[in-house]
Amino acid sequence: MQINPKNERIKKEYFVFLKEAKKYSDSTIDNTRKAILRWEEFSKHKDFALSKQAAISFKKQLAGTKAKQSGDTLSLSTMNGTINMLKEFFKWLAYQNGYKKKINIFHVEY
């Protein structure tokens, strides 16, 4: 498994934010961790950035992803949850130093 140190540092900050500022449960943070990992696998562990086209491509790939347990495509609720968690992450990330130019806040909605 590839690891991007820059991504790991910012994810750690985000998980602290979710725990301390948002008061999210450990299970919610774990689900967010999985959603972000799906994005990292899609982007081949590149530094976090977001474009409209990347967001659209990710959603298309997610729709074709097979669930590990059942082998069926992911349920709509799983896809929706993953997308919503990523939207929240990228919105937060767009305001962090070093990411303001890499993430257009309007592209998050895609």
N, C-alpha and C. Protein backbone atom coordinates (compact mmCIF):
# COMPACT_ATOMS: atom_id res chain seq x y z
N MET A 1 0.84 -1.19 0.00
CA MET A 1 0.00 0.00 0.00
C MET A 1 0.88 1.25 0.00
N GLN A 2 0.56 2.17 -0.86
CA GLN A 2 1.30 3.42 -0.92
C GLN A 2 0.84 4.35 0.18
N ILE A 3 1.78 5.16 0.66
CA ILE A 3 1.44 6.16 1.67
C ILE A 3 2.01 7.49 1.22
N ASN A 4 1.20 8.51 1.29
CA ASN A 4 1.63 9.87 0.98
C ASN A 4 1.74 10.61 2.31
N PRO A 5 2.96 10.92 2.76
CA PRO A 5 3.13 11.56 4.08
C PRO A 5 2.36 12.86 4.24
N LYS A 6 2.31 13.66 3.18
CA LYS A 6 1.57 14.93 3.26
C LYS A 6 0.08 14.67 3.51
N ASN A 7 -0.48 13.70 2.80
CA ASN A 7 -1.88 13.35 3.00
C ASN A 7 -2.12 12.82 4.41
N GLU A 8 -1.19 12.01 4.90
CA GLU A 8 -1.35 11.43 6.24
C GLU A 8 -1.38 12.52 7.30
N ARG A 9 -0.53 13.54 7.16
CA ARG A 9 -0.50 14.63 8.14
C ARG A 9 -1.81 15.40 8.15
N ILE A 10 -2.34 15.72 6.96
CA ILE A 10 -3.57 16.52 6.91
C ILE A 10 -4.77 15.69 7.36
N LYS A 11 -4.76 14.40 7.05
CA LYS A 11 -5.86 13.53 7.51
C LYS A 11 -5.87 13.46 9.03
N LYS A 12 -4.70 13.37 9.63
CA LYS A 12 -4.62 13.32 11.10
C LYS A 12 -5.24 14.59 11.70
N GLU A 13 -4.91 15.75 11.11
CA GLU A 13 -5.51 17.00 11.58
C GLU A 13 -7.03 16.97 11.44
N TYR A 14 -7.50 16.44 10.31
CA TYR A 14 -8.93 16.39 10.06
C TYR A 14 -9.64 15.48 11.05
N PHE A 15 -9.05 14.35 11.36
CA PHE A 15 -9.69 13.43 12.30
C PHE A 15 -9.74 14.02 13.70
N VAL A 16 -8.73 14.79 14.08
CA VAL A 16 -8.77 15.50 15.37
C VAL A 16 -9.89 16.53 15.34
N PHE A 17 -10.02 17.25 14.23
CA PHE A 17 -11.10 18.22 14.06
C PHE A 17 -12.46 17.55 14.22
N LEU A 18 -12.65 16.40 13.57
CA LEU A 18 -13.93 15.70 13.67
C LEU A 18 -14.22 15.27 15.10
N LYS A 19 -13.20 14.78 15.77
CA LYS A 19 -13.36 14.26 17.14
C LYS A 19 -13.61 15.40 18.14
N GLU A 20 -12.77 16.42 18.08
CA GLU A 20 -12.80 17.47 19.11
C GLU A 20 -13.77 18.61 18.79
N ALA A 21 -13.81 19.06 17.56
CA ALA A 21 -14.67 20.20 17.22
C ALA A 21 -16.08 19.77 16.86
N LYS A 22 -16.19 18.71 16.08
CA LYS A 22 -17.50 18.25 15.63
C LYS A 22 -18.12 17.22 16.57
N LYS A 23 -17.31 16.66 17.46
CA LYS A 23 -17.77 15.66 18.45
C LYS A 23 -18.33 14.41 17.78
N TYR A 24 -17.71 14.00 16.66
CA TYR A 24 -18.14 12.79 15.96
C TYR A 24 -17.69 11.55 16.72
N SER A 25 -18.46 10.50 16.59
CA SER A 25 -18.13 9.24 17.24
C SER A 25 -16.97 8.57 16.51
N ASP A 26 -16.34 7.63 17.18
CA ASP A 26 -15.22 6.90 16.57
C ASP A 26 -15.67 6.14 15.33
N SER A 27 -16.89 5.60 15.34
CA SER A 27 -17.36 4.84 14.17
C SER A 27 -17.59 5.77 12.97
N THR A 28 -18.05 6.98 13.22
CA THR A 28 -18.24 7.94 12.13
C THR A 28 -16.89 8.36 11.56
N ILE A 29 -15.93 8.58 12.44
CA ILE A 29 -14.58 8.93 11.99
C ILE A 29 -13.96 7.78 11.21
N ASP A 30 -14.20 6.56 11.62
CA ASP A 30 -13.69 5.40 10.90
C ASP A 30 -14.32 5.31 9.50
N ASN A 31 -15.60 5.57 9.41
CA ASN A 31 -16.27 5.58 8.09
C ASN A 31 -15.71 6.69 7.21
N THR A 32 -15.41 7.83 7.80
CA THR A 32 -14.79 8.93 7.05
C THR A 32 -13.41 8.52 6.58
N ARG A 33 -12.67 7.84 7.43
CA ARG A 33 -11.34 7.35 7.07
C ARG A 33 -11.42 6.43 5.84
N LYS A 34 -12.41 5.55 5.83
CA LYS A 34 -12.60 4.63 4.70
C LYS A 34 -12.96 5.39 3.42
N ALA A 35 -13.81 6.41 3.55
CA ALA A 35 -14.20 7.21 2.38
C ALA A 35 -12.99 7.93 1.80
N ILE A 36 -12.17 8.50 2.64
CA ILE A 36 -10.97 9.20 2.17
C ILE A 36 -10.00 8.21 1.53
N LEU A 37 -9.89 7.02 2.09
CA LEU A 37 -9.03 6.00 1.51
C LEU A 37 -9.50 5.62 0.10
N ARG A 38 -10.82 5.55 -0.09
CA ARG A 38 -11.35 5.28 -1.44
C ARG A 38 -10.89 6.35 -2.42
N TRP A 39 -10.92 7.62 -1.97
CA TRP A 39 -10.47 8.70 -2.83
C TRP A 39 -8.97 8.56 -3.13
N GLU A 40 -8.20 8.26 -2.10
CA GLU A 40 -6.75 8.13 -2.29
C GLU A 40 -6.42 7.00 -3.26
N GLU A 41 -7.15 5.90 -3.16
CA GLU A 41 -6.93 4.79 -4.09
C GLU A 41 -7.29 5.22 -5.51
N PHE A 42 -8.37 5.97 -5.65
CA PHE A 42 -8.78 6.49 -6.95
C PHE A 42 -7.71 7.41 -7.53
N SER A 43 -7.15 8.29 -6.69
CA SER A 43 -6.17 9.28 -7.16
C SER A 43 -4.74 8.74 -7.15
N LYS A 44 -4.60 7.46 -6.84
CA LYS A 44 -3.28 6.81 -6.78
C LYS A 44 -2.37 7.49 -5.76
N HIS A 45 -2.96 7.92 -4.66
CA HIS A 45 -2.26 8.49 -3.51
C HIS A 45 -1.51 9.78 -3.82
N LYS A 46 -1.99 10.53 -4.80
CA LYS A 46 -1.40 11.84 -5.08
C LYS A 46 -1.81 12.80 -3.97
N ASP A 47 -1.10 13.94 -3.89
CA ASP A 47 -1.49 14.98 -2.92
C ASP A 47 -2.95 15.33 -3.14
N PHE A 48 -3.64 15.64 -2.05
CA PHE A 48 -5.05 15.98 -2.16
C PHE A 48 -5.24 17.21 -3.04
N ALA A 49 -6.10 17.08 -4.01
CA ALA A 49 -6.52 18.16 -4.90
C ALA A 49 -7.87 17.72 -5.46
N LEU A 50 -8.62 18.66 -6.00
CA LEU A 50 -9.94 18.31 -6.52
C LEU A 50 -10.27 19.19 -7.71
N SER A 51 -10.69 18.53 -8.76
CA SER A 51 -11.20 19.25 -9.93
C SER A 51 -12.61 18.71 -10.21
N LYS A 52 -13.34 19.44 -10.99
CA LYS A 52 -14.69 19.02 -11.34
C LYS A 52 -14.65 17.66 -12.04
N GLN A 53 -13.73 17.50 -12.98
CA GLN A 53 -13.64 16.24 -13.73
C GLN A 53 -13.25 15.07 -12.83
N ALA A 54 -12.34 15.31 -11.88
CA ALA A 54 -11.94 14.24 -10.96
C ALA A 54 -13.13 13.80 -10.09
N ALA A 55 -13.91 14.76 -9.64
CA ALA A 55 -15.08 14.44 -8.81
C ALA A 55 -16.08 13.59 -9.60
N ILE A 56 -16.32 13.96 -10.85
CA ILE A 56 -17.26 13.22 -11.69
C ILE A 56 -16.73 11.82 -11.97
N SER A 57 -15.45 11.71 -12.28
CA SER A 57 -14.84 10.40 -12.54
C SER A 57 -14.89 9.51 -11.31
N PHE A 58 -14.64 10.09 -10.15
CA PHE A 58 -14.70 9.31 -8.91
C PHE A 58 -16.09 8.74 -8.69
N LYS A 59 -17.11 9.55 -8.89
CA LYS A 59 -18.48 9.06 -8.70
C LYS A 59 -18.80 7.92 -9.66
N LYS A 60 -18.34 8.03 -10.90
CA LYS A 60 -18.57 6.96 -11.86
C LYS A 60 -17.86 5.68 -11.45
N GLN A 61 -16.63 5.82 -10.99
CA GLN A 61 -15.89 4.64 -10.53
C GLN A 61 -16.56 4.03 -9.30
N LEU A 62 -17.00 4.87 -8.38
CA LEU A 62 -17.65 4.40 -7.16
C LEU A 62 -18.91 3.61 -7.49
N ALA A 63 -19.65 4.06 -8.49
CA ALA A 63 -20.88 3.37 -8.88
C ALA A 63 -20.60 1.97 -9.41
N GLY A 64 -19.41 1.74 -9.93
CA GLY A 64 -19.06 0.43 -10.44
C GLY A 64 -18.28 -0.44 -9.47
N THR A 65 -18.04 0.07 -8.27
CA THR A 65 -17.26 -0.66 -7.28
C THR A 65 -18.07 -1.80 -6.67
N LYS A 66 -17.43 -2.93 -6.48
CA LYS A 66 -18.08 -4.09 -5.87
C LYS A 66 -17.85 -4.07 -4.35
N ALA A 67 -18.90 -4.41 -3.60
CA ALA A 67 -18.79 -4.52 -2.15
C ALA A 67 -17.93 -5.73 -1.81
N LYS A 68 -17.08 -5.60 -0.81
CA LYS A 68 -16.17 -6.70 -0.45
C LYS A 68 -16.91 -7.91 0.09
N GLN A 69 -17.97 -7.70 0.85
CA GLN A 69 -18.66 -8.83 1.47
C GLN A 69 -19.60 -9.55 0.51
N SER A 70 -20.42 -8.79 -0.21
CA SER A 70 -21.45 -9.42 -1.05
C SER A 70 -21.02 -9.62 -2.50
N GLY A 71 -20.08 -8.81 -2.96
CA GLY A 71 -19.68 -8.90 -4.36
C GLY A 71 -20.59 -8.12 -5.29
N ASP A 72 -21.69 -7.59 -4.76
CA ASP A 72 -22.60 -6.76 -5.55
C ASP A 72 -22.04 -5.33 -5.62
N THR A 73 -22.59 -4.52 -6.51
CA THR A 73 -22.16 -3.13 -6.53
C THR A 73 -22.57 -2.47 -5.22
N LEU A 74 -21.86 -1.41 -4.87
CA LEU A 74 -22.15 -0.72 -3.62
C LEU A 74 -23.59 -0.23 -3.60
N SER A 75 -24.19 -0.24 -2.42
CA SER A 75 -25.55 0.26 -2.29
C SER A 75 -25.57 1.77 -2.46
N LEU A 76 -26.73 2.28 -2.79
CA LEU A 76 -26.87 3.73 -2.95
C LEU A 76 -26.56 4.46 -1.65
N SER A 77 -26.94 3.87 -0.52
CA SER A 77 -26.67 4.53 0.76
C SER A 77 -25.17 4.58 1.05
N THR A 78 -24.44 3.53 0.68
CA THR A 78 -22.99 3.53 0.87
C THR A 78 -22.34 4.57 -0.03
N MET A 79 -22.76 4.62 -1.28
CA MET A 79 -22.20 5.61 -2.20
C MET A 79 -22.52 7.03 -1.73
N ASN A 80 -23.75 7.26 -1.31
CA ASN A 80 -24.16 8.58 -0.84
C ASN A 80 -23.37 8.98 0.41
N GLY A 81 -23.22 8.05 1.34
CA GLY A 81 -22.46 8.32 2.56
C GLY A 81 -21.01 8.66 2.24
N THR A 82 -20.40 7.88 1.35
CA THR A 82 -19.01 8.11 0.95
C THR A 82 -18.85 9.49 0.33
N ILE A 83 -19.75 9.82 -0.59
CA ILE A 83 -19.67 11.11 -1.26
C ILE A 83 -19.87 12.26 -0.28
N ASN A 84 -20.84 12.13 0.61
CA ASN A 84 -21.08 13.20 1.58
C ASN A 84 -19.90 13.40 2.53
N MET A 85 -19.28 12.31 2.95
CA MET A 85 -18.10 12.43 3.82
C MET A 85 -16.95 13.10 3.09
N LEU A 86 -16.77 12.76 1.83
CA LEU A 86 -15.71 13.39 1.04
C LEU A 86 -16.00 14.86 0.77
N LYS A 87 -17.25 15.19 0.54
CA LYS A 87 -17.61 16.60 0.35
C LYS A 87 -17.26 17.40 1.60
N GLU A 88 -17.59 16.86 2.75
CA GLU A 88 -17.29 17.55 4.00
C GLU A 88 -15.77 17.70 4.18
N PHE A 89 -15.03 16.65 3.85
CA PHE A 89 -13.57 16.69 3.97
C PHE A 89 -12.98 17.74 3.02
N PHE A 90 -13.38 17.73 1.75
CA PHE A 90 -12.81 18.67 0.80
C PHE A 90 -13.22 20.11 1.10
N LYS A 91 -14.41 20.32 1.65
CA LYS A 91 -14.80 21.67 2.06
C LYS A 91 -13.88 22.17 3.16
N TRP A 92 -13.61 21.30 4.14
CA TRP A 92 -12.69 21.66 5.22
C TRP A 92 -11.30 21.91 4.65
N LEU A 93 -10.86 21.01 3.78
CA LEU A 93 -9.52 21.08 3.22
C LEU A 93 -9.31 22.34 2.39
N ALA A 94 -10.35 22.80 1.72
CA ALA A 94 -10.24 23.99 0.87
C ALA A 94 -9.84 25.24 1.66
N TYR A 95 -10.04 25.23 2.96
CA TYR A 95 -9.71 26.38 3.79
C TYR A 95 -8.39 26.21 4.54
N GLN A 96 -7.70 25.11 4.31
CA GLN A 96 -6.43 24.86 4.98
C GLN A 96 -5.28 25.42 4.16
N ASN A 97 -4.26 25.91 4.85
CA ASN A 97 -3.09 26.45 4.17
C ASN A 97 -2.48 25.38 3.26
N GLY A 98 -2.12 25.78 2.06
CA GLY A 98 -1.51 24.88 1.11
C GLY A 98 -2.50 24.17 0.20
N TYR A 99 -3.80 24.32 0.48
CA TYR A 99 -4.81 23.62 -0.33
C TYR A 99 -5.79 24.59 -0.99
N LYS A 100 -5.73 25.84 -0.65
CA LYS A 100 -6.69 26.81 -1.16
C LYS A 100 -6.65 26.92 -2.68
N LYS A 101 -5.47 26.75 -3.27
CA LYS A 101 -5.35 26.83 -4.73
C LYS A 101 -5.60 25.49 -5.40
N LYS A 102 -5.56 24.41 -4.65
CA LYS A 102 -5.73 23.07 -5.22
C LYS A 102 -7.19 22.64 -5.26
N ILE A 103 -8.03 23.32 -4.49
CA ILE A 103 -9.43 22.90 -4.38
C ILE A 103 -10.34 24.11 -4.60
N ASN A 104 -11.10 24.05 -5.65
CA ASN A 104 -12.12 25.06 -5.91
C ASN A 104 -13.37 24.62 -5.14
N ILE A 105 -13.79 25.43 -4.22
CA ILE A 105 -14.91 25.07 -3.34
C ILE A 105 -16.17 24.72 -4.13
N PHE A 106 -16.34 25.32 -5.29
CA PHE A 106 -17.51 25.02 -6.11
C PHE A 106 -17.45 23.63 -6.75
N HIS A 107 -16.25 23.11 -6.95
CA HIS A 107 -16.10 21.78 -7.53
C HIS A 107 -16.44 20.68 -6.53
N VAL A 108 -16.45 21.01 -5.27
CA VAL A 108 -16.80 20.04 -4.23
C VAL A 108 -18.22 19.50 -4.44
N GLU A 109 -19.09 20.32 -4.93
CA GLU A 109 -20.48 19.91 -5.12
C GLU A 109 -20.65 18.86 -6.20
N TYR A 110 -19.68 18.73 -7.08
CA TYR A 110 -19.77 17.71 -8.12
C TYR A 110 -19.50 16.33 -7.55
